PDB file of N, CA and C in Angstrom:
ATOM      1  N   MET A   1      33.647  22.723  36.481  1.00  0.00           N
ATOM      2  CA  MET A   1      33.514  22.168  35.304  1.00  0.00           C
ATOM      3  C   MET A   1      32.889  20.736  35.234  1.00  0.00           C
ATOM      4  N   THR A   2      33.012  19.901  36.377  1.00  0.00           N
ATOM      5  CA  THR A   2      32.561  18.675  36.330  1.00  0.00           C
ATOM      6  C   THR A   2      30.738  18.851  36.539  1.00  0.00           C
ATOM      7  N   ILE A   3      30.595  19.818  37.395  1.00  0.00           N
ATOM      8  CA  ILE A   3      29.015  19.836  37.490  1.00  0.00           C
ATOM      9  C   ILE A   3      28.242  20.135  35.901  1.00  0.00           C
ATOM     10  N   ARG A   4      29.312  21.228  35.385  1.00  0.00           N
ATOM     11  CA  ARG A   4      28.800  21.884  33.995  1.00  0.00           C
ATOM     12  C   ARG A   4      28.440  20.752  33.133  1.00  0.00           C
ATOM     13  N   GLY A   5      29.580  19.377  32.779  1.00  0.00           N
ATOM     14  CA  GLY A   5      29.453  18.739  31.985  1.00  0.00           C
ATOM     15  C   GLY A   5      28.705  17.677  32.651  1.00  0.00           C
ATOM     16  N   LEU A   6      28.349  17.573  34.194  1.00  0.00           N
ATOM     17  CA  LEU A   6      27.129  16.845  34.305  1.00  0.00           C
ATOM     18  C   LEU A   6      25.816  17.000  33.926  1.00  0.00           C
ATOM     19  N   CYS A   7      25.762  18.205  34.079  1.00  0.00           N
ATOM     20  CA  CYS A   7      24.305  18.696  33.381  1.00  0.00           C
ATOM     21  C   CYS A   7      24.085  18.739  31.877  1.00  0.00           C
ATOM     22  N   ARG A   8      25.244  18.879  31.026  1.00  0.00           N
ATOM     23  CA  ARG A   8      24.771  18.967  29.474  1.00  0.00           C
ATOM     24  C   ARG A   8      24.575  17.123  29.418  1.00  0.00           C
ATOM     25  N   GLY A   9      25.409  16.460  30.098  1.00  0.00           N
ATOM     26  CA  GLY A   9      25.276  15.069  30.168  1.00  0.00           C
ATOM     27  C   GLY A   9      23.837  14.417  30.665  1.00  0.00           C
ATOM     28  N   LEU A  10      23.333  15.340  31.275  1.00  0.00           N
ATOM     29  CA  LEU A  10      21.780  15.114  31.691  1.00  0.00           C
ATOM     30  C   LEU A  10      20.786  15.778  31.140  1.00  0.00           C
ATOM     31  N   ILE A  11      21.144  16.644  30.764  1.00  0.00           N
ATOM     32  CA  ILE A  11      20.112  17.488  29.272  1.00  0.00           C
ATOM     33  C   ILE A  11      19.902  16.325  27.832  1.00  0.00           C
ATOM     34  N   LEU A  12      21.363  16.058  27.701  1.00  0.00           N
ATOM     35  CA  LEU A  12      21.248  14.905  26.518  1.00  0.00           C
ATOM     36  C   LEU A  12      20.959  13.879  26.585  1.00  0.00           C
ATOM     37  N   LEU A  13      20.850  13.234  27.910  1.00  0.00           N
ATOM     38  CA  LEU A  13      19.872  12.423  28.249  1.00  0.00           C
ATOM     39  C   LEU A  13      18.845  12.021  28.207  1.00  0.00           C
ATOM     40  N   ALA A  14      18.313  13.652  28.604  1.00  0.00           N
ATOM     41  CA  ALA A  14      16.737  13.397  28.585  1.00  0.00           C
ATOM     42  C   ALA A  14      16.204  13.938  27.187  1.00  0.00           C
ATOM     43  N   ALA A  15      17.294  14.369  26.576  1.00  0.00           N
ATOM     44  CA  ALA A  15      16.444  14.720  25.218  1.00  0.00           C
ATOM     45  C   ALA A  15      16.148  13.470  24.383  1.00  0.00           C
ATOM     46  N   LEU A  16      17.394  12.510  24.930  1.00  0.00           N
ATOM     47  CA  LEU A  16      17.492  11.153  23.880  1.00  0.00           C
ATOM     48  C   LEU A  16      16.115  10.357  24.180  1.00  0.00           C
ATOM     49  N   ALA A  17      16.287  10.712  25.608  1.00  0.00           N
ATOM     50  CA  ALA A  17      14.789   9.508  25.908  1.00  0.00           C
ATOM     51  C   ALA A  17      13.265   9.914  25.547  1.00  0.00           C
ATOM     52  N   TYR A  18      13.411  11.440  25.441  1.00  0.00           N
ATOM     53  CA  TYR A  18      12.067  11.847  24.767  1.00  0.00           C
ATOM     54  C   TYR A  18      12.310  11.658  23.670  1.00  0.00           C
ATOM     55  N   SER A  19      13.355  11.738  22.576  1.00  0.00           N
ATOM     56  CA  SER A  19      13.137  11.228  21.501  1.00  0.00           C
ATOM     57  C   SER A  19      12.779  10.059  21.195  1.00  0.00           C
ATOM     58  N   PHE A  20      13.234   8.983  21.770  1.00  0.00           N
ATOM     59  CA  PHE A  20      12.776   7.537  21.831  1.00  0.00           C
ATOM     60  C   PHE A  20      11.383   7.011  22.219  1.00  0.00           C
ATOM     61  N   SER A  21      11.164   8.037  22.971  1.00  0.00           N
ATOM     62  CA  SER A  21       9.730   7.754  23.537  1.00  0.00           C
ATOM     63  C   SER A  21       8.485   8.095  22.076  1.00  0.00           C
ATOM     64  N   ALA A  22       9.176   9.002  21.440  1.00  0.00           N
ATOM     65  CA  ALA A  22       8.698   9.411  20.316  1.00  0.00           C
ATOM     66  C   ALA A  22       8.558   8.059  19.014  1.00  0.00           C
ATOM     67  N   TRP A  23      10.034   7.608  18.766  1.00  0.00           N
ATOM     68  CA  TRP A  23       9.778   6.445  18.093  1.00  0.00           C
ATOM     69  C   TRP A  23       9.121   5.244  18.786  1.00  0.00           C
ATOM     70  N   ALA A  24       9.036   5.348  19.533  1.00  0.00           N
ATOM     71  CA  ALA A  24       8.237   4.243  20.597  1.00  0.00           C
ATOM     72  C   ALA A  24       6.695   3.578  19.781  1.00  0.00           C
ATOM     73  N   THR A  25       6.694   4.864  20.091  1.00  0.00           N
ATOM     74  CA  THR A  25       4.698   4.810  19.755  1.00  0.00           C
ATOM     75  C   THR A  25       4.295   4.999  18.260  1.00  0.00           C
ATOM     76  N   PRO A  26       3.138   4.242  17.826  1.00  0.00           N
ATOM     77  CA  PRO A  26       3.010   3.897  16.799  1.00  0.00           C
ATOM     78  C   PRO A  26       2.324   4.716  16.037  1.00  0.00           C
ATOM     79  N   ALA A  27       2.503   5.704  14.877  1.00  0.00           N
ATOM     80  CA  ALA A  27       1.820   7.004  14.143  1.00  0.00           C
ATOM     81  C   ALA A  27       0.385   6.265  13.906  1.00  0.00           C
ATOM     82  N   LYS A  28      -0.202   7.185  14.440  1.00  0.00           N
ATOM     83  CA  LYS A  28      -1.924   7.273  14.008  1.00  0.00           C
ATOM     84  C   LYS A  28      -2.550   8.483  13.026  1.00  0.00           C
ATOM     85  N   LYS A  29      -3.034   7.847  12.147  1.00  0.00           N
ATOM     86  CA  LYS A  29      -3.633   9.426  11.434  1.00  0.00           C
ATOM     87  C   LYS A  29      -4.813   8.565  10.939  1.00  0.00           C
ATOM     88  N   SER A  30      -5.897   9.360  10.560  1.00  0.00           N
ATOM     89  CA  SER A  30      -7.363   9.132   9.809  1.00  0.00           C
ATOM     90  C   SER A  30      -6.703   9.691   8.706  1.00  0.00           C
ATOM     91  N   VAL A  31      -8.027   9.111   7.945  1.00  0.00           N
ATOM     92  CA  VAL A  31      -7.926   9.267   6.341  1.00  0.00           C
ATOM     93  C   VAL A  31      -9.194   8.677   5.757  1.00  0.00           C
ATOM     94  N   HIS A  32     -10.095   9.901   4.413  1.00  0.00           N
ATOM     95  CA  HIS A  32     -11.180   9.594   3.831  1.00  0.00           C
ATOM     96  C   HIS A  32     -10.683   8.915   2.933  1.00  0.00           C
ATOM     97  N   ILE A  33     -11.238   8.002   2.467  1.00  0.00           N
ATOM     98  CA  ILE A  33     -11.336   7.201   1.298  1.00  0.00           C
ATOM     99  C   ILE A  33     -12.282   6.794   0.071  1.00  0.00           C
ATOM    100  N   GLN A  34     -12.329   8.221  -0.972  1.00  0.00           N
ATOM    101  CA  GLN A  34     -13.461   8.313  -1.615  1.00  0.00           C
ATOM    102  C   GLN A  34     -13.572   7.206  -2.921  1.00  0.00           C
ATOM    103  N   HIS A  35     -12.710   6.068  -3.581  1.00  0.00           N
ATOM    104  CA  HIS A  35     -12.781   5.382  -4.454  1.00  0.00           C
ATOM    105  C   HIS A  35     -12.524   3.884  -3.876  1.00  0.00           C
ATOM    106  N   ARG A  36     -12.594   2.812  -4.699  1.00  0.00           N
ATOM    107  CA  ARG A  36     -11.827   1.623  -3.860  1.00  0.00           C
ATOM    108  C   ARG A  36     -10.635   1.243  -4.175  1.00  0.00           C
ATOM    109  N   PHE A  37      -9.842   1.086  -3.383  1.00  0.00           N
ATOM    110  CA  PHE A  37      -8.631   0.939  -3.648  1.00  0.00           C
ATOM    111  C   PHE A  37      -7.687  -0.345  -2.978  1.00  0.00           C
ATOM    112  N   GLN A  38      -7.088  -0.786  -3.944  1.00  0.00           N
ATOM    113  CA  GLN A  38      -6.392  -2.119  -3.254  1.00  0.00           C
ATOM    114  C   GLN A  38      -5.073  -1.587  -2.234  1.00  0.00           C
ATOM    115  N   VAL A  39      -5.027  -2.312  -1.299  1.00  0.00           N
ATOM    116  CA  VAL A  39      -3.749  -2.203  -0.440  1.00  0.00           C
ATOM    117  C   VAL A  39      -3.681  -3.458  -0.259  1.00  0.00           C
ATOM    118  N   GLY A  40      -2.346  -3.713  -0.614  1.00  0.00           N
ATOM    119  CA  GLY A  40      -1.881  -5.273  -0.496  1.00  0.00           C
ATOM    120  C   GLY A  40      -2.485  -6.156  -1.326  1.00  0.00           C
ATOM    121  N   ASP A  41      -2.996  -6.773  -0.541  1.00  0.00           N
ATOM    122  CA  ASP A  41      -4.009  -8.269  -1.287  1.00  0.00           C
ATOM    123  C   ASP A  41      -5.371  -7.687  -0.824  1.00  0.00           C
ATOM    124  N   THR A  42      -5.528  -6.454  -0.189  1.00  0.00           N
ATOM    125  CA  THR A  42      -7.220  -5.990   0.475  1.00  0.00           C
ATOM    126  C   THR A  42      -7.658  -5.039  -0.267  1.00  0.00           C
ATOM    127  N   THR A  43      -9.378  -5.064  -0.791  1.00  0.00           N
ATOM    128  CA  THR A  43      -9.544  -3.998  -1.570  1.00  0.00           C
ATOM    129  C   THR A  43     -10.521  -3.415  -0.481  1.00  0.00           C
ATOM    130  N   LEU A  44      -9.857  -1.844   0.081  1.00  0.00           N
ATOM    131  CA  LEU A  44     -10.520  -0.960   0.693  1.00  0.00           C
ATOM    132  C   LEU A  44     -11.688  -0.392  -0.067  1.00  0.00           C
ATOM    133  N   ALA A  45     -12.868  -0.700   0.349  1.00  0.00           N
ATOM    134  CA  ALA A  45     -14.134   0.051   0.230  1.00  0.00           C
ATOM    135  C   ALA A  45     -14.412   1.576   0.526  1.00  0.00           C
ATOM    136  N   PRO A  46     -15.002   2.349  -0.306  1.00  0.00           N
ATOM    137  CA  PRO A  46     -14.917   4.132   0.287  1.00  0.00           C
ATOM    138  C   PRO A  46     -15.414   4.381   1.743  1.00  0.00           C
ATOM    139  N   GLY A  47     -14.958   5.347   2.574  1.00  0.00           N
ATOM    140  CA  GLY A  47     -14.690   5.192   3.588  1.00  0.00           C
ATOM    141  C   GLY A  47     -13.683   5.856   4.715  1.00  0.00           C
ATOM    142  N   ASP A  48     -14.279   6.278   5.727  1.00  0.00           N
ATOM    143  CA  ASP A  48     -12.811   6.598   6.642  1.00  0.00           C
ATOM    144  C   ASP A  48     -12.296   5.442   7.514  1.00  0.00           C
ATOM    145  N   TYR A  49     -10.804   5.559   7.391  1.00  0.00           N
ATOM    146  CA  TYR A  49     -10.078   4.629   8.230  1.00  0.00           C
ATOM    147  C   TYR A  49      -8.630   5.183   9.168  1.00  0.00           C
ATOM    148  N   THR A  50      -8.586   4.828  10.018  1.00  0.00           N
ATOM    149  CA  THR A  50      -7.746   5.073  10.787  1.00  0.00           C
ATOM    150  C   THR A  50      -6.515   3.925  10.553  1.00  0.00           C
ATOM    151  N   ILE A  51      -5.283   4.724  10.252  1.00  0.00           N
ATOM    152  CA  ILE A  51      -4.135   3.984  10.114  1.00  0.00           C
ATOM    153  C   ILE A  51      -3.348   4.307  10.604  1.00  0.00           C
ATOM    154  N   VAL A  52      -2.859   3.108  11.401  1.00  0.00           N
ATOM    155  CA  VAL A  52      -1.855   3.052  12.635  1.00  0.00           C
ATOM    156  C   VAL A  52      -0.429   2.631  11.836  1.00  0.00           C
ATOM    157  N   VAL A  53       0.903   2.855  11.901  1.00  0.00           N
ATOM    158  CA  VAL A  53       1.907   2.468  11.083  1.00  0.00           C
ATOM    159  C   VAL A  53       2.730   2.668  12.837  1.00  0.00           C
ATOM    160  N   ASP A  54       3.526   0.811  12.323  1.00  0.00           N
ATOM    161  CA  ASP A  54       4.310   0.864  13.655  1.00  0.00           C
ATOM    162  C   ASP A  54       5.300  -0.071  13.093  1.00  0.00           C
ATOM    163  N   GLY A  55       6.579   0.862  13.197  1.00  0.00           N
ATOM    164  CA  GLY A  55       7.884   0.134  12.275  1.00  0.00           C
ATOM    165  C   GLY A  55       7.318   0.063  10.443  1.00  0.00           C
ATOM    166  N   SER A  56       7.645  -1.116  10.137  1.00  0.00           N
ATOM    167  CA  SER A  56       7.231  -1.116   8.483  1.00  0.00           C
ATOM    168  C   SER A  56       5.911  -2.087   8.396  1.00  0.00           C
ATOM    169  N   GLU A  57       4.840  -1.594   9.206  1.00  0.00           N
ATOM    170  CA  GLU A  57       3.557  -2.146   8.954  1.00  0.00           C
ATOM    171  C   GLU A  57       2.802  -1.202   9.452  1.00  0.00           C
ATOM    172  N   ALA A  58       1.934  -1.008   8.599  1.00  0.00           N
ATOM    173  CA  ALA A  58       0.643  -0.420   8.552  1.00  0.00           C
ATOM    174  C   ALA A  58      -0.789  -1.221   8.439  1.00  0.00           C
ATOM    175  N   THR A  59      -1.502  -0.583   9.502  1.00  0.00           N
ATOM    176  CA  THR A  59      -2.775  -1.211   9.874  1.00  0.00           C
ATOM    177  C   THR A  59      -4.013  -0.288   9.569  1.00  0.00           C
ATOM    178  N   PHE A  60      -5.085  -0.499   8.491  1.00  0.00           N
ATOM    179  CA  PHE A  60      -5.840   0.207   8.488  1.00  0.00           C
ATOM    180  C   PHE A  60      -6.952  -0.431   9.162  1.00  0.00           C
ATOM    181  N   GLU A  61      -7.855   0.593   9.426  1.00  0.00           N
ATOM    182  CA  GLU A  61      -9.001   0.339  10.878  1.00  0.00           C
ATOM    183  C   GLU A  61     -10.135   1.065  10.423  1.00  0.00           C
ATOM    184  N   GLN A  62     -11.094   0.509  10.143  1.00  0.00           N
ATOM    185  CA  GLN A  62     -12.375   0.983  10.295  1.00  0.00           C
ATOM    186  C   GLN A  62     -13.265   0.789  11.650  1.00  0.00           C
ATOM    187  N   GLY A  63     -13.753   1.595  12.440  1.00  0.00           N
ATOM    188  CA  GLY A  63     -13.814   1.873  13.434  1.00  0.00           C
ATOM    189  C   GLY A  63     -13.128   1.274  14.390  1.00  0.00           C
ATOM    190  N   HIS A  64     -13.533   0.112  14.909  1.00  0.00           N
ATOM    191  CA  HIS A  64     -12.359  -0.785  15.788  1.00  0.00           C
ATOM    192  C   HIS A  64     -11.770  -2.096  15.100  1.00  0.00           C
ATOM    193  N   LYS A  65     -12.265  -2.814  14.141  1.00  0.00           N
ATOM    194  CA  LYS A  65     -12.530  -3.231  12.987  1.00  0.00           C
ATOM    195  C   LYS A  65     -10.966  -3.407  12.220  1.00  0.00           C
ATOM    196  N   VAL A  66     -10.036  -4.389  12.474  1.00  0.00           N
ATOM    197  CA  VAL A  66      -8.655  -4.488  11.652  1.00  0.00           C
ATOM    198  C   VAL A  66      -9.749  -4.503  10.236  1.00  0.00           C
ATOM    199  N   VAL A  67      -9.179  -4.165   9.152  1.00  0.00           N
ATOM    200  CA  VAL A  67      -9.694  -4.180   7.520  1.00  0.00           C
ATOM    201  C   VAL A  67      -8.525  -4.680   6.900  1.00  0.00           C
ATOM    202  N   ALA A  68      -7.286  -4.267   7.027  1.00  0.00           N
ATOM    203  CA  ALA A  68      -5.880  -4.697   6.271  1.00  0.00           C
ATOM    204  C   ALA A  68      -4.748  -4.493   7.298  1.00  0.00           C
ATOM    205  N   LYS A  69      -3.422  -5.218   6.885  1.00  0.00           N
ATOM    206  CA  LYS A  69      -2.086  -5.033   7.888  1.00  0.00           C
ATOM    207  C   LYS A  69      -1.547  -5.463   6.286  1.00  0.00           C
ATOM    208  N   VAL A  70      -0.198  -4.228   5.946  1.00  0.00           N
ATOM    209  CA  VAL A  70       0.518  -4.247   5.162  1.00  0.00           C
ATOM    210  C   VAL A  70       2.017  -4.211   5.436  1.00  0.00           C
ATOM    211  N   SER A  71       2.594  -4.209   4.801  1.00  0.00           N
ATOM    212  CA  SER A  71       3.816  -3.408   4.667  1.00  0.00           C
ATOM    213  C   SER A  71       4.248  -2.440   4.616  1.00  0.00           C
ATOM    214  N   CYS A  72       5.069  -1.580   4.366  1.00  0.00           N
ATOM    215  CA  CYS A  72       5.057  -0.165   4.490  1.00  0.00           C
ATOM    216  C   CYS A  72       6.446   0.449   4.855  1.00  0.00           C
ATOM    217  N   ALA A  73       6.319   1.517   4.167  1.00  0.00           N
ATOM    218  CA  ALA A  73       7.939   2.092   4.440  1.00  0.00           C
ATOM    219  C   ALA A  73       7.417   3.769   4.562  1.00  0.00           C
ATOM    220  N   VAL A  74       7.728   4.243   5.926  1.00  0.00           N
ATOM    221  CA  VAL A  74       7.904   5.829   5.976  1.00  0.00           C
ATOM    222  C   VAL A  74       9.181   6.891   5.463  1.00  0.00           C
ATOM    223  N   LYS A  75       8.839   7.719   4.530  1.00  0.00           N
ATOM    224  CA  LYS A  75      10.223   8.434   4.256  1.00  0.00           C
ATOM    225  C   LYS A  75       9.927   9.669   3.873  1.00  0.00           C
ATOM    226  N   GLU A  76      11.077  10.384   3.776  1.00  0.00           N
ATOM    227  CA  GLU A  76      11.005  11.712   3.919  1.00  0.00           C
ATOM    228  C   GLU A  76      11.187  12.898   2.809  1.00  0.00           C
ATOM    229  N   SER A  77      10.176  12.768   2.396  1.00  0.00           N
ATOM    230  CA  SER A  77       9.833  13.752   0.674  1.00  0.00           C
ATOM    231  C   SER A  77      10.539  14.970   0.639  1.00  0.00           C
ATOM    232  N   GLY A  78      10.886  15.453   1.927  1.00  0.00           N
ATOM    233  CA  GLY A  78      11.880  16.766   1.362  1.00  0.00           C
ATOM    234  C   GLY A  78      10.767  18.045   1.344  1.00  0.00           C
ATOM    235  N   GLU A  79       9.204  18.039   1.340  1.00  0.00           N
ATOM    236  CA  GLU A  79       8.639  18.965   1.556  1.00  0.00           C
ATOM    237  C   GLU A  79       7.495  18.812   1.996  1.00  0.00           C
ATOM    238  N   LYS A  80       6.721  19.791   2.684  1.00  0.00           N
ATOM    239  CA  LYS A  80       5.358  19.484   3.370  1.00  0.00           C
ATOM    240  C   LYS A  80       4.556  20.123   2.324  1.00  0.00           C
ATOM    241  N   TYR A  81       3.324  18.624   2.515  1.00  0.00           N
ATOM    242  CA  TYR A  81       2.189  19.084   1.457  1.00  0.00           C
ATOM    243  C   TYR A  81       0.961  19.768   2.417  1.00  0.00           C
ATOM    244  N   SER A  82       0.401  20.318   1.519  1.00  0.00           N
ATOM    245  CA  SER A  82      -0.688  21.258   2.078  1.00  0.00           C
ATOM    246  C   SER A  82      -2.250  20.701   2.342  1.00  0.00           C
ATOM    247  N   ALA A  83      -2.154  19.251   1.539  1.00  0.00           N
ATOM    248  CA  ALA A  83      -3.637  18.806   2.021  1.00  0.00           C
ATOM    249  C   ALA A  83      -2.969  17.382   1.837  1.00  0.00           C
ATOM    250  N   ASP A  84      -3.982  16.471   2.323  1.00  0.00           N
ATOM    251  CA  ASP A  84      -4.234  14.812   2.395  1.00  0.00           C
ATOM    252  C   ASP A  84      -4.605  14.371   1.005  1.00  0.00           C
ATOM    253  N   ALA A  85      -3.710  13.675   0.720  1.00  0.00           N
ATOM    254  CA  ALA A  85      -3.605  12.879  -0.235  1.00  0.00           C
ATOM    255  C   ALA A  85      -3.378  11.426  -0.437  1.00  0.00           C
ATOM    256  N   ILE A  86      -3.954  10.978  -1.449  1.00  0.00           N
ATOM    257  CA  ILE A  86      -3.947   9.152  -1.978  1.00  0.00           C
ATOM    258  C   ILE A  86      -3.229   8.937  -3.159  1.00  0.00           C
ATOM    259  N   VAL A  87      -1.903   8.769  -3.251  1.00  0.00           N
ATOM    260  CA  VAL A  87      -1.331   8.368  -4.448  1.00  0.00           C
ATOM    261  C   VAL A  87      -1.488   6.850  -4.827  1.00  0.00           C
ATOM    262  N   TYR A  88      -2.070   6.812  -6.203  1.00  0.00           N
ATOM    263  CA  TYR A  88      -2.503   5.141  -6.611  1.00  0.00           C
ATOM    264  C   TYR A  88      -1.578   5.377  -7.878  1.00  0.00           C
ATOM    265  N   ALA A  89      -1.561   3.887  -8.450  1.00  0.00           N
ATOM    266  CA  ALA A  89      -1.581   3.492  -9.387  1.00  0.00           C
ATOM    267  C   ALA A  89      -2.291   1.751  -9.884  1.00  0.00           C
ATOM    268  N   ASN A  90      -3.174   2.245 -10.735  1.00  0.00           N
ATOM    269  CA  ASN A  90      -3.946   0.951 -10.983  1.00  0.00           C
ATOM    270  C   ASN A  90      -4.795   0.521 -10.234  1.00  0.00           C
ATOM    271  N   ALA A  91      -5.438   1.578  -9.422  1.00  0.00           N
ATOM    272  CA  ALA A  91      -6.281   1.145  -8.410  1.00  0.00           C
ATOM    273  C   ALA A  91      -5.605   0.805  -6.742  1.00  0.00           C
ATOM    274  N   ALA A  92      -4.500   0.680  -6.749  1.00  0.00           N
ATOM    275  CA  ALA A  92      -3.482   0.443  -5.756  1.00  0.00           C
ATOM    276  C   ALA A  92      -3.199   1.607  -5.275  1.00  0.00           C
ATOM    277  N   ILE A  93      -3.021   1.614  -4.098  1.00  0.00           N
ATOM    278  CA  ILE A  93      -2.187   2.833  -2.979  1.00  0.00           C
ATOM    279  C   ILE A  93      -1.148   2.684  -3.038  1.00  0.00           C
ATOM    280  N   THR A  94      -0.117   3.893  -3.459  1.00  0.00           N
ATOM    281  CA  THR A  94       1.286   3.651  -3.494  1.00  0.00           C
ATOM    282  C   THR A  94       1.962   4.356  -2.715  1.00  0.00           C
ATOM    283  N   GLU A  95       0.968   5.657  -1.931  1.00  0.00           N
ATOM    284  CA  GLU A  95       1.766   6.432  -1.225  1.00  0.00           C
ATOM    285  C   GLU A  95       0.728   7.199  -0.673  1.00  0.00           C
ATOM    286  N   ILE A  96       0.517   7.845   0.671  1.00  0.00           N
ATOM    287  CA  ILE A  96      -0.551   8.437   1.603  1.00  0.00           C
ATOM    288  C   ILE A  96       0.290   9.707   2.189  1.00  0.00           C
ATOM    289  N   ARG A  97       0.060  10.711   1.725  1.00  0.00           N
ATOM    290  CA  ARG A  97       0.639  12.195   2.150  1.00  0.00           C
ATOM    291  C   ARG A  97      -0.344  12.927   3.588  1.00  0.00           C
ATOM    292  N   PHE A  98       0.154  13.386   4.080  1.00  0.00           N
ATOM    293  CA  PHE A  98      -0.754  14.536   4.879  1.00  0.00           C
ATOM    294  C   PHE A  98      -0.348  15.574   5.170  1.00  0.00           C
ATOM    295  N   ALA A  99      -1.434  16.215   5.050  1.00  0.00           N
ATOM    296  CA  ALA A  99      -1.471  17.878   5.487  1.00  0.00           C
ATOM    297  C   ALA A  99      -0.186  18.176   6.399  1.00  0.00           C
ATOM    298  N   GLY A 100       0.692  19.167   5.813  1.00  0.00           N
ATOM    299  CA  GLY A 100       1.619  20.003   7.291  1.00  0.00           C
ATOM    300  C   GLY A 100       2.697  18.749   7.380  1.00  0.00           C
ATOM    301  N   GLN A 101       3.059  17.731   6.360  1.00  0.00           N
ATOM    302  CA  GLN A 101       3.819  16.923   7.008  1.00  0.00           C
ATOM    303  C   GLN A 101       4.485  16.455   5.788  1.00  0.00           C
ATOM    304  N   SER A 102       6.156  16.580   5.957  1.00  0.00           N
ATOM    305  CA  SER A 102       7.058  15.942   4.979  1.00  0.00           C
ATOM    306  C   SER A 102       6.932  14.166   4.881  1.00  0.00           C
ATOM    307  N   GLN A 103       6.892  13.846   5.795  1.00  0.00           N
ATOM    308  CA  GLN A 103       7.168  12.508   5.559  1.00  0.00           C
ATOM    309  C   GLN A 103       5.580  11.728   5.106  1.00  0.00           C
ATOM    310  N   VAL A 104       5.802  10.837   4.046  1.00  0.00           N
ATOM    311  CA  VAL A 104       4.744  10.185   3.703  1.00  0.00           C
ATOM    312  C   VAL A 104       4.982   8.584   3.635  1.00  0.00           C
ATOM    313  N   ILE A 105       3.758   7.546   3.405  1.00  0.00           N
ATOM    314  CA  ILE A 105       3.715   6.352   3.996  1.00  0.00           C
ATOM    315  C   ILE A 105       3.918   5.737   2.186  1.00  0.00           C
ATOM    316  N   THR A 106       4.659   4.931   2.139  1.00  0.00           N
ATOM    317  CA  THR A 106       4.503   4.075   0.986  1.00  0.00           C
ATOM    318  C   THR A 106       4.337   3.105   0.953  1.00  0.00           C
ATOM    319  N   PHE A 107       3.798   2.092  -0.130  1.00  0.00           N
ATOM    320  CA  PHE A 107       3.035   0.593  -0.413  1.00  0.00           C
ATOM    321  C   PHE A 107       3.544   0.302  -1.276  1.00  0.00           C
ATOM    322  N   THR A 108       4.128  -0.824  -1.397  1.00  0.00           N
ATOM    323  CA  THR A 108       4.697  -1.745  -2.665  1.00  0.00           C
ATOM    324  C   THR A 108       3.665  -2.453  -3.143  1.00  0.00           C
ATOM    325  N   PRO A 109       2.780  -1.843  -4.355  1.00  0.00           N
ATOM    326  CA  PRO A 109       1.304  -2.891  -4.841  1.00  0.00           C
ATOM    327  C   PRO A 109       1.902  -4.329  -5.194  1.00  0.00           C
ATOM    328  N   ILE A 110       0.599  -4.765  -4.995  1.00  0.00           N
ATOM    329  CA  ILE A 110       1.169  -6.675  -5.123  1.00  0.00           C
ATOM    330  C   ILE A 110       0.724  -6.599  -6.703  1.00  0.00           C
ATOM    331  N   THR A 111       1.433  -7.264  -7.320  1.00  0.00           N
ATOM    332  CA  THR A 111       1.384  -7.411  -9.109  1.00  0.00           C
ATOM    333  C   THR A 111       1.490  -8.730  -9.009  1.00  0.00           C
ATOM    334  N   THR A 112       0.303  -8.903 -10.095  1.00  0.00           N
ATOM    335  CA  THR A 112      -0.305 -10.528 -10.119  1.00  0.00           C
ATOM    336  C   THR A 112       0.422 -10.944 -11.690  1.00  0.00           C
ATOM    337  N   SER A 113       1.617 -11.657 -11.310  1.00  0.00           N
ATOM    338  CA  SER A 113       2.546 -11.883 -12.628  1.00  0.00           C
ATOM    339  C   SER A 113       2.144 -12.803 -13.335  1.00  0.00           C
ATOM    340  N   THR A 114       2.363 -12.531 -14.964  1.00  0.00           N
ATOM    341  CA  THR A 114       1.537 -12.940 -16.062  1.00  0.00           C
ATOM    342  C   THR A 114       2.643 -13.758 -16.552  1.00  0.00           C
ATOM    343  N   PRO A 115       2.472 -15.205 -17.058  1.00  0.00           N
ATOM    344  CA  PRO A 115       3.595 -15.962 -17.813  1.00  0.00           C
ATOM    345  C   PRO A 115       4.341 -15.554 -19.027  1.00  0.00           C
ATOM    346  N   SER A 116       5.524 -15.293 -19.371  1.00  0.00           N
ATOM    347  CA  SER A 116       5.888 -14.692 -20.246  1.00  0.00           C
ATOM    348  C   SER A 116       5.891 -15.769 -21.283  1.00  0.00           C
ATOM    349  N   LYS A 117       5.741 -14.680 -22.516  1.00  0.00           N
ATOM    350  CA  LYS A 117       5.701 -15.913 -23.736  1.00  0.00           C
ATOM    351  C   LYS A 117       7.301 -15.967 -24.268  1.00  0.00           C
ATOM    352  N   SER A 118       7.679 -17.224 -24.453  1.00  0.00           N
ATOM    353  CA  SER A 118       9.122 -17.095 -24.580  1.00  0.00           C
ATOM    354  C   SER A 118       8.847 -17.206 -26.195  1.00  0.00           C
ATOM    355  N   SER A 119       9.716 -16.278 -26.835  1.00  0.00           N
ATOM    356  CA  SER A 119       9.633 -16.372 -28.439  1.00  0.00           C
ATOM    357  C   SER A 119      10.729 -17.268 -28.709  1.00  0.00           C
ATOM    358  N   SER A 120      10.375 -18.661 -28.866  1.00  0.00           N
ATOM    359  CA  SER A 120      11.170 -19.586 -29.930  1.00  0.00           C
ATOM    360  C   SER A 120      11.175 -19.614 -31.862  1.00  0.00           C
ATOM    361  N   ASN A 121      12.240 -19.591 -31.975  1.00  0.00           N
ATOM    362  CA  ASN A 121      11.740 -19.452 -33.323  1.00  0.00           C
ATOM    363  C   ASN A 121      12.171 -20.780 -33.873  1.00  0.00           C
ATOM    364  N   SER A 122      11.171 -21.405 -34.116  1.00  0.00           N
ATOM    365  CA  SER A 122      11.439 -22.852 -34.570  1.00  0.00           C
ATOM    366  C   SER A 122      10.773 -23.140 -35.814  1.00  0.00           C
ATOM    367  N   SER A 123      11.215 -22.267 -37.116  1.00  0.00           N
ATOM    368  CA  SER A 123      10.603 -22.211 -38.503  1.00  0.00           C
ATOM    369  C   SER A 123      11.499 -23.019 -39.376  1.00  0.00           C
ATOM    370  N   GLY A 124      12.459 -23.434 -38.738  1.00  0.00           N
ATOM    371  CA  GLY A 124      13.136 -24.322 -39.529  1.00  0.00           C
ATOM    372  C   GLY A 124      14.204 -23.691 -40.367  1.00  0.00           C
ATOM    373  N   ASP A 125      14.318 -22.186 -40.475  1.00  0.00           N
ATOM    374  CA  ASP A 125      15.096 -21.429 -41.320  1.00  0.00           C
ATOM    375  C   ASP A 125      16.499 -21.745 -40.934  1.00  0.00           C
ATOM    376  N   ARG A 126      17.695 -22.144 -41.401  1.00  0.00           N
ATOM    377  CA  ARG A 126      19.042 -22.266 -41.225  1.00  0.00           C
ATOM    378  C   ARG A 126      19.829 -21.492 -41.994  1.00  0.00           C
TER     379      ARG A 126
END
């Protein structure tokens, strides 16, 4: 029984080591952007990009040139997508989906804050 337990332990250890190496390598995907989009504080021109996701940082590369580095999150959507898609709001990329995968890369758009006007009632009516 000890040999059987040892074999199970080694198999479990090998599976764990294999899955750890998958986590350690950055994910690399290619995407074609058809319009000008904002990601972080960088405006991306139309063209082909390679996105490298390493932990909570995404690097947009065009050729061998790093164009932008932004924070991101990889989330499970629960459904596999049939085509690549860039989801955006106000010309800022909020999410990138890849065909055949259920994980999405999400970005928080940088918003420019405008000072709010306080409504002070100083009409003198009491």
